[in-house]
Every structure is written in C-alpha cells, then in structure tokens.
Amino acid sequence: MLKYIDSVPLSFFVIFSLFLGLAPFVPEPHLVEKIRMLLNGELEKTIDIFDLLMHATPWVLLVVKLALMFNSKKSATDSDH
C-alpha cells in the first residue's frame, strides 16, 4: 500500500484533499463541521462518523505521502554521509 501511495504524484493528493476533503465549501467544509462535532461530543450518528472518515481520508493520505517523501529524502541524505 505504501509503495502505491509513494508512486502517486503529490499534486494528486493536494487536489484530492482540497476538493473532497473540504467539500462542500459553503456554508463551511464538512470536515471542519465534523471535527467541531467530534470535539463537542456531538458526533453520534453513523452517517456523521462516515462523513468524517470520508472527508478526512484525503488529508490522511496527504500526510502519509508527505511522510514518505520526507523519509526518502532523509534516507538519501543519510546514505550520502
């Protein structure tokens, strides 16, 4: 799975995060709404939990991609020494 994520361009994850991760944009992004509900202890309905997972997944994948990129640069730098 990590090899597949590593093979996908970073731009895909950025676009995926901005559009699906923040949709709908008006009145506020669902991800922001669901995180607020979670912090307030109001995230109880199954559909809301699913919605949080769906809108957070692109951001999680983006973080994994960035971590893989950082790790590969770090290991390339370490092997130079």
PDB file of N, CA and C in Angstrom:
ATOM      1  N   MET A   1       0.825  -1.192   0.000  1.00  0.00           N
ATOM      2  CA  MET A   1       0.000   0.000   0.000  1.00  0.00           C
ATOM      3  C   MET A   1       0.872   1.261   0.000  1.00  0.00           C
ATOM      4  N   LEU A   2       1.926   1.258   0.818  1.00  0.00           N
ATOM      5  CA  LEU A   2       2.802   2.432   0.874  1.00  0.00           C
ATOM      6  C   LEU A   2       3.527   2.653  -0.448  1.00  0.00           C
ATOM      7  N   LYS A   3       3.864   1.565  -1.139  1.00  0.00           N
ATOM      8  CA  LYS A   3       4.508   1.704  -2.456  1.00  0.00           C
ATOM      9  C   LYS A   3       3.569   2.380  -3.441  1.00  0.00           C
ATOM     10  N   TYR A   4       2.287   2.023  -3.367  1.00  0.00           N
ATOM     11  CA  TYR A   4       1.302   2.641  -4.250  1.00  0.00           C
ATOM     12  C   TYR A   4       1.163   4.130  -3.933  1.00  0.00           C
ATOM     13  N   ILE A   5       1.057   4.472  -2.674  1.00  0.00           N
ATOM     14  CA  ILE A   5       0.947   5.882  -2.272  1.00  0.00           C
ATOM     15  C   ILE A   5       2.196   6.635  -2.709  1.00  0.00           C
ATOM     16  N   ASP A   6       3.345   6.009  -2.563  1.00  0.00           N
ATOM     17  CA  ASP A   6       4.603   6.640  -2.959  1.00  0.00           C
ATOM     18  C   ASP A   6       4.668   6.881  -4.465  1.00  0.00           C
ATOM     19  N   SER A   7       3.998   6.030  -5.251  1.00  0.00           N
ATOM     20  CA  SER A   7       4.057   6.157  -6.712  1.00  0.00           C
ATOM     21  C   SER A   7       3.110   7.229  -7.258  1.00  0.00           C
ATOM     22  N   VAL A   8       2.130   7.642  -6.465  1.00  0.00           N
ATOM     23  CA  VAL A   8       1.157   8.651  -6.909  1.00  0.00           C
ATOM     24  C   VAL A   8       1.766  10.035  -6.704  1.00  0.00           C
ATOM     25  N   PRO A   9       1.620  10.924  -7.699  1.00  0.00           N
ATOM     26  CA  PRO A   9       2.187  12.273  -7.563  1.00  0.00           C
ATOM     27  C   PRO A   9       1.571  13.059  -6.400  1.00  0.00           C
ATOM     28  N   LEU A  10       2.382  13.887  -5.777  1.00  0.00           N
ATOM     29  CA  LEU A  10       1.938  14.716  -4.655  1.00  0.00           C
ATOM     30  C   LEU A  10       0.775  15.614  -5.066  1.00  0.00           C
ATOM     31  N   SER A  11       0.808  16.140  -6.277  1.00  0.00           N
ATOM     32  CA  SER A  11      -0.253  17.047  -6.739  1.00  0.00           C
ATOM     33  C   SER A  11      -1.628  16.383  -6.673  1.00  0.00           C
ATOM     34  N   PHE A  12      -1.698  15.088  -6.939  1.00  0.00           N
ATOM     35  CA  PHE A  12      -2.978  14.378  -6.846  1.00  0.00           C
ATOM     36  C   PHE A  12      -3.528  14.453  -5.433  1.00  0.00           C
ATOM     37  N   PHE A  13      -2.671  14.203  -4.440  1.00  0.00           N
ATOM     38  CA  PHE A  13      -3.121  14.219  -3.057  1.00  0.00           C
ATOM     39  C   PHE A  13      -3.512  15.628  -2.604  1.00  0.00           C
ATOM     40  N   VAL A  14      -2.814  16.624  -3.090  1.00  0.00           N
ATOM     41  CA  VAL A  14      -3.155  18.006  -2.740  1.00  0.00           C
ATOM     42  C   VAL A  14      -4.535  18.365  -3.305  1.00  0.00           C
ATOM     43  N   ILE A  15      -4.754  18.060  -4.581  1.00  0.00           N
ATOM     44  CA  ILE A  15      -6.043  18.358  -5.217  1.00  0.00           C
ATOM     45  C   ILE A  15      -7.162  17.547  -4.567  1.00  0.00           C
ATOM     46  N   PHE A  16      -6.892  16.265  -4.318  1.00  0.00           N
ATOM     47  CA  PHE A  16      -7.855  15.366  -3.674  1.00  0.00           C
ATOM     48  C   PHE A  16      -8.242  15.914  -2.299  1.00  0.00           C
ATOM     49  N   SER A  17      -7.269  16.398  -1.544  1.00  0.00           N
ATOM     50  CA  SER A  17      -7.530  16.931  -0.207  1.00  0.00           C
ATOM     51  C   SER A  17      -8.336  18.220  -0.268  1.00  0.00           C
ATOM     52  N   LEU A  18      -7.990  19.089  -1.192  1.00  0.00           N
ATOM     53  CA  LEU A  18      -8.680  20.373  -1.276  1.00  0.00           C
ATOM     54  C   LEU A  18     -10.126  20.227  -1.729  1.00  0.00           C
ATOM     55  N   PHE A  19     -10.363  19.339  -2.696  1.00  0.00           N
ATOM     56  CA  PHE A  19     -11.723  19.231  -3.215  1.00  0.00           C
ATOM     57  C   PHE A  19     -12.600  18.286  -2.407  1.00  0.00           C
ATOM     58  N   LEU A  20     -12.206  17.035  -2.238  1.00  0.00           N
ATOM     59  CA  LEU A  20     -13.048  16.111  -1.483  1.00  0.00           C
ATOM     60  C   LEU A  20     -12.933  16.370   0.011  1.00  0.00           C
ATOM     61  N   GLY A  21     -11.740  16.711   0.450  1.00  0.00           N
ATOM     62  CA  GLY A  21     -11.537  16.938   1.875  1.00  0.00           C
ATOM     63  C   GLY A  21     -12.265  18.139   2.418  1.00  0.00           C
ATOM     64  N   LEU A  22     -12.500  19.137   1.583  1.00  0.00           N
ATOM     65  CA  LEU A  22     -13.159  20.355   2.053  1.00  0.00           C
ATOM     66  C   LEU A  22     -14.576  20.534   1.517  1.00  0.00           C
ATOM     67  N   ALA A  23     -15.013  19.682   0.616  1.00  0.00           N
ATOM     68  CA  ALA A  23     -16.354  19.819   0.035  1.00  0.00           C
ATOM     69  C   ALA A  23     -17.424  19.525   1.075  1.00  0.00           C
ATOM     70  N   PRO A  24     -18.573  20.105   1.020  1.00  0.00           N
ATOM     71  CA  PRO A  24     -18.911  21.313   0.271  1.00  0.00           C
ATOM     72  C   PRO A  24     -18.300  22.541   0.950  1.00  0.00           C
ATOM     73  N   PHE A  25     -18.011  23.523   0.176  1.00  0.00           N
ATOM     74  CA  PHE A  25     -17.309  24.696   0.684  1.00  0.00           C
ATOM     75  C   PHE A  25     -18.218  25.669   1.423  1.00  0.00           C
ATOM     76  N   VAL A  26     -19.512  25.649   1.102  1.00  0.00           N
ATOM     77  CA  VAL A  26     -20.455  26.596   1.674  1.00  0.00           C
ATOM     78  C   VAL A  26     -21.540  25.831   2.409  1.00  0.00           C
ATOM     79  N   PRO A  27     -21.967  26.137   3.569  1.00  0.00           N
ATOM     80  CA  PRO A  27     -21.585  27.275   4.394  1.00  0.00           C
ATOM     81  C   PRO A  27     -20.239  27.073   5.085  1.00  0.00           C
ATOM     82  N   GLU A  28     -19.826  25.818   5.307  1.00  0.00           N
ATOM     83  CA  GLU A  28     -18.497  25.536   5.831  1.00  0.00           C
ATOM     84  C   GLU A  28     -18.118  24.132   5.403  1.00  0.00           C
ATOM     85  N   PRO A  29     -16.822  23.849   5.300  1.00  0.00           N
ATOM     86  CA  PRO A  29     -16.405  22.497   4.904  1.00  0.00           C
ATOM     87  C   PRO A  29     -16.918  21.442   5.889  1.00  0.00           C
ATOM     88  N   HIS A  30     -17.343  20.302   5.341  1.00  0.00           N
ATOM     89  CA  HIS A  30     -17.850  19.224   6.195  1.00  0.00           C
ATOM     90  C   HIS A  30     -16.811  18.768   7.204  1.00  0.00           C
ATOM     91  N   LEU A  31     -15.563  18.737   6.782  1.00  0.00           N
ATOM     92  CA  LEU A  31     -14.513  18.270   7.685  1.00  0.00           C
ATOM     93  C   LEU A  31     -14.430  19.167   8.917  1.00  0.00           C
ATOM     94  N   VAL A  32     -14.524  20.457   8.722  1.00  0.00           N
ATOM     95  CA  VAL A  32     -14.495  21.404   9.842  1.00  0.00           C
ATOM     96  C   VAL A  32     -15.703  21.176  10.739  1.00  0.00           C
ATOM     97  N   GLU A  33     -16.861  21.015  10.123  1.00  0.00           N
ATOM     98  CA  GLU A  33     -18.093  20.777  10.890  1.00  0.00           C
ATOM     99  C   GLU A  33     -18.004  19.486  11.698  1.00  0.00           C
ATOM    100  N   LYS A  34     -17.523  18.413  11.067  1.00  0.00           N
ATOM    101  CA  LYS A  34     -17.460  17.118  11.749  1.00  0.00           C
ATOM    102  C   LYS A  34     -16.407  17.114  12.856  1.00  0.00           C
ATOM    103  N   ILE A  35     -15.301  17.790  12.652  1.00  0.00           N
ATOM    104  CA  ILE A  35     -14.278  17.879  13.705  1.00  0.00           C
ATOM    105  C   ILE A  35     -14.839  18.664  14.888  1.00  0.00           C
ATOM    106  N   ARG A  36     -15.573  19.743  14.610  1.00  0.00           N
ATOM    107  CA  ARG A  36     -16.197  20.512  15.686  1.00  0.00           C
ATOM    108  C   ARG A  36     -17.199  19.644  16.449  1.00  0.00           C
ATOM    109  N   MET A  37     -17.979  18.871  15.713  1.00  0.00           N
ATOM    110  CA  MET A  37     -18.942  17.974  16.355  1.00  0.00           C
ATOM    111  C   MET A  37     -18.211  16.946  17.227  1.00  0.00           C
ATOM    112  N   LEU A  38     -17.100  16.427  16.729  1.00  0.00           N
ATOM    113  CA  LEU A  38     -16.318  15.451  17.483  1.00  0.00           C
ATOM    114  C   LEU A  38     -15.779  16.056  18.770  1.00  0.00           C
ATOM    115  N   LEU A  39     -15.239  17.259  18.671  1.00  0.00           N
ATOM    116  CA  LEU A  39     -14.685  17.924  19.851  1.00  0.00           C
ATOM    117  C   LEU A  39     -15.760  18.294  20.870  1.00  0.00           C
ATOM    118  N   ASN A  40     -16.975  18.561  20.395  1.00  0.00           N
ATOM    119  CA  ASN A  40     -18.085  18.899  21.290  1.00  0.00           C
ATOM    120  C   ASN A  40     -18.834  17.671  21.793  1.00  0.00           C
ATOM    121  N   GLY A  41     -18.426  16.478  21.365  1.00  0.00           N
ATOM    122  CA  GLY A  41     -19.095  15.251  21.783  1.00  0.00           C
ATOM    123  C   GLY A  41     -20.436  15.034  21.113  1.00  0.00           C
ATOM    124  N   GLU A  42     -20.650  15.662  19.962  1.00  0.00           N
ATOM    125  CA  GLU A  42     -21.931  15.575  19.261  1.00  0.00           C
ATOM    126  C   GLU A  42     -21.891  14.616  18.077  1.00  0.00           C
ATOM    127  N   LEU A  43     -20.768  13.986  17.823  1.00  0.00           N
ATOM    128  CA  LEU A  43     -20.621  13.099  16.667  1.00  0.00           C
ATOM    129  C   LEU A  43     -21.145  11.718  17.055  1.00  0.00           C
ATOM    130  N   GLU A  44     -22.449  11.505  16.886  1.00  0.00           N
ATOM    131  CA  GLU A  44     -23.087  10.277  17.353  1.00  0.00           C
ATOM    132  C   GLU A  44     -23.712   9.464  16.231  1.00  0.00           C
ATOM    133  N   LYS A  45     -24.237  10.137  15.231  1.00  0.00           N
ATOM    134  CA  LYS A  45     -24.915   9.429  14.145  1.00  0.00           C
ATOM    135  C   LYS A  45     -23.890   8.711  13.263  1.00  0.00           C
ATOM    136  N   THR A  46     -24.275   7.542  12.793  1.00  0.00           N
ATOM    137  CA  THR A  46     -23.399   6.751  11.921  1.00  0.00           C
ATOM    138  C   THR A  46     -23.035   7.523  10.662  1.00  0.00           C
ATOM    139  N   ILE A  47     -23.985   8.231  10.090  1.00  0.00           N
ATOM    140  CA  ILE A  47     -23.730   8.983   8.860  1.00  0.00           C
ATOM    141  C   ILE A  47     -22.704  10.092   9.100  1.00  0.00           C
ATOM    142  N   ASP A  48     -22.731  10.700  10.277  1.00  0.00           N
ATOM    143  CA  ASP A  48     -21.757  11.747  10.601  1.00  0.00           C
ATOM    144  C   ASP A  48     -20.352  11.166  10.768  1.00  0.00           C
ATOM    145  N   ILE A  49     -20.275   9.999  11.381  1.00  0.00           N
ATOM    146  CA  ILE A  49     -18.972   9.340  11.547  1.00  0.00           C
ATOM    147  C   ILE A  49     -18.423   8.943  10.176  1.00  0.00           C
ATOM    148  N   PHE A  50     -19.284   8.374   9.321  1.00  0.00           N
ATOM    149  CA  PHE A  50     -18.878   8.027   7.958  1.00  0.00           C
ATOM    150  C   PHE A  50     -18.427   9.272   7.208  1.00  0.00           C
ATOM    151  N   ASP A  51     -19.162  10.346   7.348  1.00  0.00           N
ATOM    152  CA  ASP A  51     -18.840  11.611   6.685  1.00  0.00           C
ATOM    153  C   ASP A  51     -17.471  12.126   7.135  1.00  0.00           C
ATOM    154  N   LEU A  52     -17.191  12.046   8.430  1.00  0.00           N
ATOM    155  CA  LEU A  52     -15.887  12.454   8.947  1.00  0.00           C
ATOM    156  C   LEU A  52     -14.786  11.611   8.323  1.00  0.00           C
ATOM    157  N   LEU A  53     -14.977  10.311   8.293  1.00  0.00           N
ATOM    158  CA  LEU A  53     -13.968   9.422   7.710  1.00  0.00           C
ATOM    159  C   LEU A  53     -13.758   9.710   6.221  1.00  0.00           C
ATOM    160  N   MET A  54     -14.848   9.930   5.503  1.00  0.00           N
ATOM    161  CA  MET A  54     -14.745  10.183   4.067  1.00  0.00           C
ATOM    162  C   MET A  54     -13.998  11.488   3.774  1.00  0.00           C
ATOM    163  N   HIS A  55     -14.301  12.528   4.526  1.00  0.00           N
ATOM    164  CA  HIS A  55     -13.671  13.820   4.261  1.00  0.00           C
ATOM    165  C   HIS A  55     -12.267  13.929   4.856  1.00  0.00           C
ATOM    166  N   ALA A  56     -11.948  13.093   5.842  1.00  0.00           N
ATOM    167  CA  ALA A  56     -10.612  13.119   6.446  1.00  0.00           C
ATOM    168  C   ALA A  56      -9.620  12.234   5.697  1.00  0.00           C
ATOM    169  N   THR A  57     -10.098  11.236   4.983  1.00  0.00           N
ATOM    170  CA  THR A  57      -9.207  10.297   4.288  1.00  0.00           C
ATOM    171  C   THR A  57      -8.224  10.984   3.346  1.00  0.00           C
ATOM    172  N   PRO A  58      -8.649  11.933   2.512  1.00  0.00           N
ATOM    173  CA  PRO A  58      -7.667  12.583   1.634  1.00  0.00           C
ATOM    174  C   PRO A  58      -6.545  13.271   2.414  1.00  0.00           C
ATOM    175  N   TRP A  59      -6.881  13.859   3.549  1.00  0.00           N
ATOM    176  CA  TRP A  59      -5.873  14.544   4.358  1.00  0.00           C
ATOM    177  C   TRP A  59      -4.909  13.546   4.986  1.00  0.00           C
ATOM    178  N   VAL A  60      -5.429  12.412   5.419  1.00  0.00           N
ATOM    179  CA  VAL A  60      -4.569  11.361   5.991  1.00  0.00           C
ATOM    180  C   VAL A  60      -3.616  10.840   4.927  1.00  0.00           C
ATOM    181  N   LEU A  61      -4.140  10.607   3.716  1.00  0.00           N
ATOM    182  CA  LEU A  61      -3.289  10.131   2.620  1.00  0.00           C
ATOM    183  C   LEU A  61      -2.228  11.169   2.256  1.00  0.00           C
ATOM    184  N   LEU A  62      -2.586  12.450   2.282  1.00  0.00           N
ATOM    185  CA  LEU A  62      -1.619  13.509   2.001  1.00  0.00           C
ATOM    186  C   LEU A  62      -0.509  13.511   3.047  1.00  0.00           C
ATOM    187  N   VAL A  63      -0.855  13.351   4.295  1.00  0.00           N
ATOM    188  CA  VAL A  63       0.155  13.310   5.365  1.00  0.00           C
ATOM    189  C   VAL A  63       1.061  12.095   5.194  1.00  0.00           C
ATOM    190  N   VAL A  64       0.485  10.949   4.839  1.00  0.00           N
ATOM    191  CA  VAL A  64       1.296   9.744   4.605  1.00  0.00           C
ATOM    192  C   VAL A  64       2.247   9.977   3.439  1.00  0.00           C
ATOM    193  N   LYS A  65       1.744  10.568   2.360  1.00  0.00           N
ATOM    194  CA  LYS A  65       2.585  10.858   1.182  1.00  0.00           C
ATOM    195  C   LYS A  65       3.735  11.791   1.565  1.00  0.00           C
ATOM    196  N   LEU A  66       3.439  12.847   2.311  1.00  0.00           N
ATOM    197  CA  LEU A  66       4.492  13.780   2.733  1.00  0.00           C
ATOM    198  C   LEU A  66       5.503  13.095   3.645  1.00  0.00           C
ATOM    199  N   ALA A  67       5.033  12.215   4.527  1.00  0.00           N
ATOM    200  CA  ALA A  67       5.944  11.484   5.407  1.00  0.00           C
ATOM    201  C   ALA A  67       6.842  10.561   4.593  1.00  0.00           C
ATOM    202  N   LEU A  68       6.295   9.903   3.590  1.00  0.00           N
ATOM    203  CA  LEU A  68       7.100   9.037   2.731  1.00  0.00           C
ATOM    204  C   LEU A  68       8.142   9.847   1.967  1.00  0.00           C
ATOM    205  N   MET A  69       7.747  11.017   1.481  1.00  0.00           N
ATOM    206  CA  MET A  69       8.691  11.875   0.760  1.00  0.00           C
ATOM    207  C   MET A  69       9.798  12.355   1.695  1.00  0.00           C
ATOM    208  N   PHE A  70       9.437  12.763   2.897  1.00  0.00           N
ATOM    209  CA  PHE A  70      10.410  13.229   3.875  1.00  0.00           C
ATOM    210  C   PHE A  70      11.368  12.107   4.243  1.00  0.00           C
ATOM    211  N   ASN A  71      10.826  10.908   4.451  1.00  0.00           N
ATOM    212  CA  ASN A  71      11.646   9.755   4.807  1.00  0.00           C
ATOM    213  C   ASN A  71      12.622   9.389   3.699  1.00  0.00           C
ATOM    214  N   SER A  72      12.164   9.428   2.446  1.00  0.00           N
ATOM    215  CA  SER A  72      13.045   9.066   1.353  1.00  0.00           C
ATOM    216  C   SER A  72      14.148  10.089   1.160  1.00  0.00           C
ATOM    217  N   LYS A  73      13.842  11.382   1.371  1.00  0.00           N
ATOM    218  CA  LYS A  73      14.882  12.416   1.289  1.00  0.00           C
ATOM    219  C   LYS A  73      15.869  12.265   2.436  1.00  0.00           C
ATOM    220  N   LYS A  74      15.361  11.946   3.623  1.00  0.00           N
ATOM    221  CA  LYS A  74      16.227  11.792   4.785  1.00  0.00           C
ATOM    222  C   LYS A  74      17.158  10.592   4.602  1.00  0.00           C
ATOM    223  N   SER A  75      16.625   9.465   4.121  1.00  0.00           N
ATOM    224  CA  SER A  75      17.463   8.287   3.944  1.00  0.00           C
ATOM    225  C   SER A  75      18.452   8.491   2.798  1.00  0.00           C
ATOM    226  N   ALA A  76      18.088   9.288   1.777  1.00  0.00           N
ATOM    227  CA  ALA A  76      19.042   9.594   0.703  1.00  0.00           C
ATOM    228  C   ALA A  76      20.169  10.472   1.237  1.00  0.00           C
ATOM    229  N   THR A  77      19.838  11.409   2.102  1.00  0.00           N
ATOM    230  CA  THR A  77      20.844  12.282   2.706  1.00  0.00           C
ATOM    231  C   THR A  77      21.745  11.494   3.643  1.00  0.00           C
ATOM    232  N   ASP A  78      21.164  10.584   4.428  1.00  0.00           N
ATOM    233  CA  ASP A  78      21.941   9.776   5.357  1.00  0.00           C
ATOM    234  C   ASP A  78      22.883   8.834   4.617  1.00  0.00           C
ATOM    235  N   SER A  79      22.476   8.329   3.469  1.00  0.00           N
ATOM    236  CA  SER A  79      23.339   7.399   2.725  1.00  0.00           C
ATOM    237  C   SER A  79      24.491   8.127   2.036  1.00  0.00           C
ATOM    238  N   ASP A  80      24.377   9.445   1.868  1.00  0.00           N
ATOM    239  CA  ASP A  80      25.454  10.231   1.263  1.00  0.00           C
ATOM    240  C   ASP A  80      26.624  10.378   2.205  1.00  0.00           C
ATOM    241  N   HIS A  81      26.397  10.293   3.511  1.00  0.00           N
ATOM    242  CA  HIS A  81      27.449  10.509   4.504  1.00  0.00           C
ATOM    243  C   HIS A  81      28.152   9.267   4.844  1.00  0.00           C
TER     244      HIS A  81
END
